[in-house]
Amino acid sequence: MSIDIKPGNTLIKSVNLYTNRMRKSRKETIKNDLSSFIQWLTISLENKSYDENTNLENINLNIIEPFFIEQYVKITNLKHSNQNASKKLTVARDYLNYIHTEGFTESNLGNHIRNKKGRRSGSVSLKSKVHEGDFVEISKEYHDSLEKELNVKYKEREDVVVDINKAAADKDFRENAPLEAAREKQGLIESQIKTIEETLRKSVIFNTKRSNKKNKIAQIGSKVTLEKENKRTKINLVASPEADVNLSKISLESPLGKALLGKGENDHVTISAPAGEIKYKIVKVT
């Protein structure tokens, strides 16, 4: 039997009771800081299944499961800096402590909130320092596409946590295929996010206007027109992360890229290929 249930109403009532004892200015601040936590709990609780014997007139807060709290802690630490995450988690923990003290919950769910341990905001560990030689130059176009993709992955990260919560409502974890699939997807997304963030961290946007117009030479960011047997081909010289043969973006680390680097118009280059040597004439460099 399908039941239309609004556990969020119970949560809002508890928040009002919690904040009514506060000064007006602090009350608004706490309500604002609690809003994302209450919204998270509401979504999580609405994903739970309820049978026809559920007493809809008296839904207590014991239906909040530690799993929901732990997932909120995880995503808050991922989305925010140490300082902001600590603030949000402290507010949520104080609220959970209150509803336990007042008898709304049998156990103190606040014990499941632990602030992220890590370095202080603004400090940098030796392992995280990147030496100048570790940086790679990429185009602004590629940089923007990475940032766009990263934002998509951040949204997917939030969505998959909701999927995990839905699947976790099934208490039989032994044969919960949807839960296992959601967790595998979560692991893949986290790996993709880490890769993109690392690429952005080690990248700098190259200056496309730095070449000397009187002495045009092929370098990163150059558009080069090549001629081979009276047939012309246009390529872009890019860093290896940006390389895409289908888009005529050739890595500087490739044999052709290495041969072209530092060469100018009317120069000839030769590269070795499985089918033999290939000779090109550089027609134009921009």
Protein backbone atom coordinates (compact mmCIF):
# COMPACT_ATOMS: atom_id res chain seq x y z
CA MET A 1 0.00 0.00 0.00
CA SER A 2 1.36 3.36 -1.02
CA ILE A 3 1.34 6.01 1.72
CA ASP A 4 1.70 9.75 1.27
CA ILE A 5 3.90 10.71 4.19
CA LYS A 6 5.57 14.02 5.05
CA PRO A 7 8.31 13.33 7.62
CA GLY A 8 9.70 16.79 6.86
CA ASN A 9 6.85 18.31 8.86
CA THR A 10 8.06 16.55 11.99
CA LEU A 11 11.61 17.76 11.38
CA ILE A 12 10.50 21.37 10.91
CA LYS A 13 8.48 21.18 14.13
CA SER A 14 11.53 19.95 16.03
CA VAL A 15 13.68 22.74 14.56
CA ASN A 16 11.13 25.34 15.69
CA LEU A 17 11.14 23.92 19.23
CA TYR A 18 14.95 23.92 19.19
CA THR A 19 15.28 27.55 18.06
CA ASN A 20 12.41 29.06 20.09
CA ARG A 21 14.68 29.20 23.13
CA MET A 22 17.26 31.33 21.25
CA ARG A 23 17.63 35.05 20.73
CA LYS A 24 15.95 36.33 17.57
CA SER A 25 19.21 37.08 15.73
CA ARG A 26 20.73 33.70 16.62
CA LYS A 27 17.48 31.89 15.80
CA GLU A 28 17.54 33.02 12.17
CA THR A 29 21.23 32.18 11.83
CA ILE A 30 20.79 28.67 13.21
CA LYS A 31 17.71 28.01 11.05
CA ASN A 32 19.65 29.10 8.00
CA ASP A 33 22.66 26.93 8.90
CA LEU A 34 20.37 23.95 9.56
CA SER A 35 18.39 24.29 6.34
CA SER A 36 20.62 22.07 4.18
CA PHE A 37 20.76 19.39 6.90
CA ILE A 38 16.97 19.34 7.34
CA GLN A 39 16.50 19.23 3.57
CA TRP A 40 18.92 16.29 3.39
CA LEU A 41 17.07 14.39 6.12
CA THR A 42 13.72 15.10 4.49
CA ILE A 43 14.85 13.65 1.15
CA SER A 44 16.37 10.64 2.89
CA LEU A 45 13.27 9.93 4.99
CA GLU A 46 10.87 10.30 2.09
CA ASN A 47 12.85 7.60 0.32
CA LYS A 48 12.10 5.16 3.13
CA SER A 49 9.28 2.66 2.72
CA TYR A 50 6.32 2.65 5.11
CA ASP A 51 3.68 -0.05 5.48
CA GLU A 52 -0.02 0.36 6.10
CA ASN A 53 0.46 -0.09 9.86
CA THR A 54 2.57 3.05 10.15
CA ASN A 55 1.02 5.57 12.57
CA LEU A 56 0.95 8.69 10.42
CA GLU A 57 -0.34 10.83 13.27
CA ASN A 58 2.70 10.28 15.45
CA ILE A 59 5.87 9.89 13.42
CA ASN A 60 8.77 10.30 15.85
CA LEU A 61 12.33 11.12 14.94
CA ASN A 62 13.61 7.62 15.67
CA ILE A 63 13.09 6.91 11.97
CA ILE A 64 16.28 8.88 11.33
CA GLU A 65 19.00 6.29 10.71
CA PRO A 66 22.72 6.75 11.44
CA PHE A 67 23.42 5.87 7.79
CA PHE A 68 21.70 9.11 6.66
CA ILE A 69 23.77 11.15 9.11
CA GLU A 70 27.03 9.55 8.00
CA GLN A 71 26.24 10.21 4.32
CA TYR A 72 25.53 13.87 5.12
CA VAL A 73 28.89 14.16 6.88
CA LYS A 74 30.66 12.65 3.88
CA ILE A 75 29.07 14.88 1.26
CA THR A 76 29.46 18.03 3.41
CA ASN A 77 33.19 17.36 3.80
CA LEU A 78 33.49 16.82 0.04
CA LYS A 79 31.56 19.94 -0.97
CA HIS A 80 32.97 22.50 1.45
CA SER A 81 36.26 23.74 2.82
CA ASN A 82 37.38 22.48 6.24
CA GLN A 83 36.15 25.62 7.97
CA ASN A 84 32.70 25.73 6.33
CA ALA A 85 32.19 21.98 6.69
CA SER A 86 33.10 22.15 10.38
CA LYS A 87 30.56 24.94 10.94
CA LYS A 88 27.73 23.09 9.20
CA LEU A 89 28.46 19.81 10.95
CA THR A 90 28.70 21.45 14.39
CA VAL A 91 25.26 23.06 13.94
CA ALA A 92 23.77 19.74 12.82
CA ARG A 93 25.36 17.88 15.76
CA ASP A 94 24.06 20.40 18.31
CA TYR A 95 20.54 20.00 16.91
CA LEU A 96 20.76 16.19 17.10
CA ASN A 97 22.05 16.43 20.68
CA TYR A 98 19.03 18.59 21.55
CA ILE A 99 16.37 16.28 20.11
CA HIS A 100 17.96 13.38 21.98
CA THR A 101 18.07 15.30 25.28
CA GLU A 102 14.39 16.23 24.84
CA GLY A 103 13.45 12.61 24.21
CA PHE A 104 12.64 12.83 20.50
CA THR A 105 15.20 10.12 19.72
CA GLU A 106 16.24 7.11 21.79
CA SER A 107 19.89 7.33 20.76
CA ASN A 108 22.06 10.40 20.32
CA LEU A 109 22.51 10.65 16.55
CA GLY A 110 24.91 13.54 17.11
CA ASN A 111 27.57 10.96 17.95
CA HIS A 112 27.64 10.02 14.27
CA ILE A 113 28.88 13.47 13.23
CA ARG A 114 32.62 13.86 13.34
CA ASN A 115 34.29 16.88 11.81
CA LYS A 116 36.75 16.33 8.99
CA LYS A 117 40.29 15.90 10.21
CA GLY A 118 42.93 17.59 8.12
CA ARG A 119 45.30 20.49 7.81
CA ARG A 120 44.23 23.96 8.81
CA SER A 121 42.67 26.18 6.21
CA GLY A 122 45.34 27.98 4.24
CA SER A 123 48.20 25.66 5.13
CA VAL A 124 49.86 23.47 2.52
CA SER A 125 51.54 20.15 3.22
CA LEU A 126 54.85 19.36 1.58
CA LYS A 127 53.28 16.50 -0.36
CA SER A 128 50.69 18.81 -1.94
CA LYS A 129 53.21 21.34 -3.25
CA VAL A 130 53.65 21.27 -6.99
CA HIS A 131 57.00 22.28 -8.40
CA GLU A 132 57.11 24.53 -11.43
CA GLY A 133 58.39 21.71 -13.59
CA ASP A 134 55.30 19.63 -12.78
CA PHE A 135 52.92 22.10 -14.44
CA VAL A 136 51.53 21.48 -17.92
CA GLU A 137 50.27 24.17 -20.27
CA ILE A 138 46.77 23.77 -21.70
CA SER A 139 44.46 25.96 -23.77
CA LYS A 140 41.77 28.09 -22.16
CA GLU A 141 39.19 26.16 -24.18
CA TYR A 142 40.34 22.87 -22.70
CA HIS A 143 40.60 24.37 -19.21
CA ASP A 144 36.99 25.62 -19.43
CA SER A 145 35.78 22.23 -20.66
CA LEU A 146 37.45 20.53 -17.68
CA GLU A 147 35.78 22.90 -15.24
CA LYS A 148 32.42 22.31 -16.91
CA GLU A 149 32.89 18.54 -16.73
CA LEU A 150 33.93 18.82 -13.07
CA ASN A 151 30.71 20.65 -12.20
CA VAL A 152 28.73 17.86 -13.90
CA LYS A 153 30.60 15.27 -11.83
CA TYR A 154 29.90 17.21 -8.62
CA LYS A 155 26.17 17.03 -9.43
CA GLU A 156 26.46 13.30 -10.22
CA ARG A 157 28.20 12.85 -6.85
CA GLU A 158 25.19 14.32 -5.04
CA ASP A 159 22.73 12.27 -7.09
CA VAL A 160 24.47 8.97 -6.43
CA VAL A 161 24.35 9.56 -2.66
CA VAL A 162 20.58 9.92 -2.95
CA ASP A 163 20.51 6.66 -4.94
CA ILE A 164 22.51 4.97 -2.18
CA ASN A 165 20.03 6.19 0.43
CA LYS A 166 17.12 4.82 -1.60
CA ALA A 167 18.78 1.45 -2.04
CA ALA A 168 19.80 1.32 1.63
CA ALA A 169 16.11 1.47 2.65
CA ASP A 170 16.10 -2.24 1.78
CA LYS A 171 17.40 -3.87 4.95
CA ASP A 172 18.60 -7.02 3.15
CA PHE A 173 22.13 -5.82 2.38
CA ARG A 174 23.26 -9.32 1.42
CA GLU A 175 21.42 -9.32 -1.92
CA ASN A 176 20.95 -5.62 -2.53
CA ALA A 177 22.10 -5.28 -6.14
CA PRO A 178 20.94 -1.63 -6.51
CA LEU A 179 22.96 -0.64 -3.42
CA GLU A 180 26.07 -2.37 -4.73
CA ALA A 181 25.66 -0.78 -8.16
CA ALA A 182 25.19 2.68 -6.63
CA ARG A 183 28.32 2.28 -4.51
CA GLU A 184 30.35 1.16 -7.55
CA LYS A 185 29.09 4.20 -9.45
CA GLN A 186 30.06 6.40 -6.50
CA GLY A 187 33.60 5.02 -6.59
CA LEU A 188 33.88 5.67 -10.33
CA ILE A 189 32.63 9.26 -9.98
CA GLU A 190 35.06 9.97 -7.14
CA SER A 191 37.93 8.64 -9.27
CA GLN A 192 36.89 10.85 -12.20
CA ILE A 193 36.62 13.91 -9.96
CA LYS A 194 40.07 13.26 -8.52
CA THR A 195 41.58 12.95 -12.00
CA ILE A 196 40.02 16.19 -13.27
CA GLU A 197 40.93 18.13 -10.12
CA GLU A 198 44.53 16.91 -10.35
CA THR A 199 44.74 17.93 -14.02
CA LEU A 200 43.40 21.40 -13.24
CA ARG A 201 45.73 21.75 -10.25
CA LYS A 202 48.79 20.99 -12.37
CA SER A 203 47.74 23.04 -15.40
CA VAL A 204 48.31 26.61 -16.50
CA ILE A 205 46.68 28.34 -19.47
CA PHE A 206 49.23 29.15 -22.14
CA ASN A 207 49.44 32.60 -23.71
CA THR A 208 48.43 32.35 -27.36
CA LYS A 209 49.85 35.82 -28.13
CA ARG A 210 53.39 35.26 -26.93
CA SER A 211 54.97 34.12 -30.23
CA ASN A 212 57.05 36.55 -32.25
CA LYS A 213 55.11 37.41 -35.41
CA LYS A 214 58.33 38.08 -37.33
CA ASN A 215 59.68 34.65 -36.48
CA LYS A 216 56.74 32.26 -36.27
CA ILE A 217 57.78 28.99 -34.75
CA ALA A 218 55.74 25.96 -33.76
CA GLN A 219 55.07 25.72 -30.04
CA ILE A 220 52.27 24.72 -27.70
CA GLY A 221 49.04 26.31 -28.87
CA SER A 222 50.28 26.78 -32.45
CA LYS A 223 48.09 25.95 -35.41
CA VAL A 224 50.28 24.38 -38.05
CA THR A 225 49.50 23.72 -41.70
CA LEU A 226 51.49 20.79 -43.07
CA GLU A 227 51.97 19.64 -46.63
CA LYS A 228 52.71 16.07 -47.70
CA GLU A 229 52.64 15.00 -51.33
CA ASN A 230 50.69 18.16 -52.30
CA LYS A 231 48.04 17.45 -49.64
CA ARG A 232 47.64 19.88 -46.76
CA THR A 233 46.64 19.11 -43.20
CA LYS A 234 45.95 21.51 -40.33
CA ILE A 235 46.81 20.48 -36.77
CA ASN A 236 46.94 22.08 -33.32
CA LEU A 237 49.92 21.48 -31.05
CA VAL A 238 48.70 20.80 -27.49
CA ALA A 239 49.83 19.26 -24.21
CA SER A 240 49.30 15.51 -23.82
CA PRO A 241 46.13 15.75 -21.63
CA GLU A 242 44.41 17.72 -24.38
CA ALA A 243 45.49 15.57 -27.32
CA ASP A 244 42.74 14.21 -29.57
CA VAL A 245 43.66 12.88 -33.01
CA ASN A 246 40.02 13.01 -34.13
CA LEU A 247 40.06 16.77 -33.54
CA SER A 248 43.53 17.20 -35.10
CA LYS A 249 44.99 18.06 -31.68
CA ILE A 250 48.50 16.60 -31.63
CA SER A 251 50.49 16.19 -28.43
CA LEU A 252 53.90 17.79 -28.11
CA GLU A 253 55.03 14.43 -26.73
CA SER A 254 54.12 12.60 -29.94
CA PRO A 255 56.75 11.97 -32.64
CA LEU A 256 55.16 14.59 -34.91
CA GLY A 257 54.83 17.09 -32.07
CA LYS A 258 58.47 16.69 -31.09
CA ALA A 259 59.57 17.08 -34.71
CA LEU A 260 57.55 20.28 -35.20
CA LEU A 261 58.50 21.97 -31.93
CA GLY A 262 60.70 25.00 -32.60
CA LYS A 263 60.42 24.74 -36.38
CA GLY A 264 59.17 27.55 -38.60
CA GLU A 265 57.41 28.12 -41.91
CA ASN A 266 59.04 26.45 -44.95
CA ASP A 267 60.99 24.06 -42.69
CA HIS A 268 60.87 20.33 -43.43
CA VAL A 269 60.45 17.61 -40.80
CA THR A 270 60.71 13.84 -41.00
CA ILE A 271 59.17 11.33 -38.60
CA SER A 272 59.49 7.57 -38.40
CA ALA A 273 56.34 5.46 -38.73
CA PRO A 274 55.68 1.71 -38.99
CA ALA A 275 55.17 2.16 -42.74
CA GLY A 276 58.43 4.09 -43.09
CA GLU A 277 59.55 7.70 -42.92
CA ILE A 278 57.01 10.48 -43.46
CA LYS A 279 58.17 13.88 -44.64
CA TYR A 280 56.23 17.11 -44.09
CA LYS A 281 56.74 20.71 -45.13
CA ILE A 282 55.54 23.38 -42.71
CA VAL A 283 53.42 25.75 -44.80
CA LYS A 284 52.02 28.02 -42.11
CA VAL A 285 52.29 28.59 -38.35
CA THR A 286 49.78 30.71 -36.46
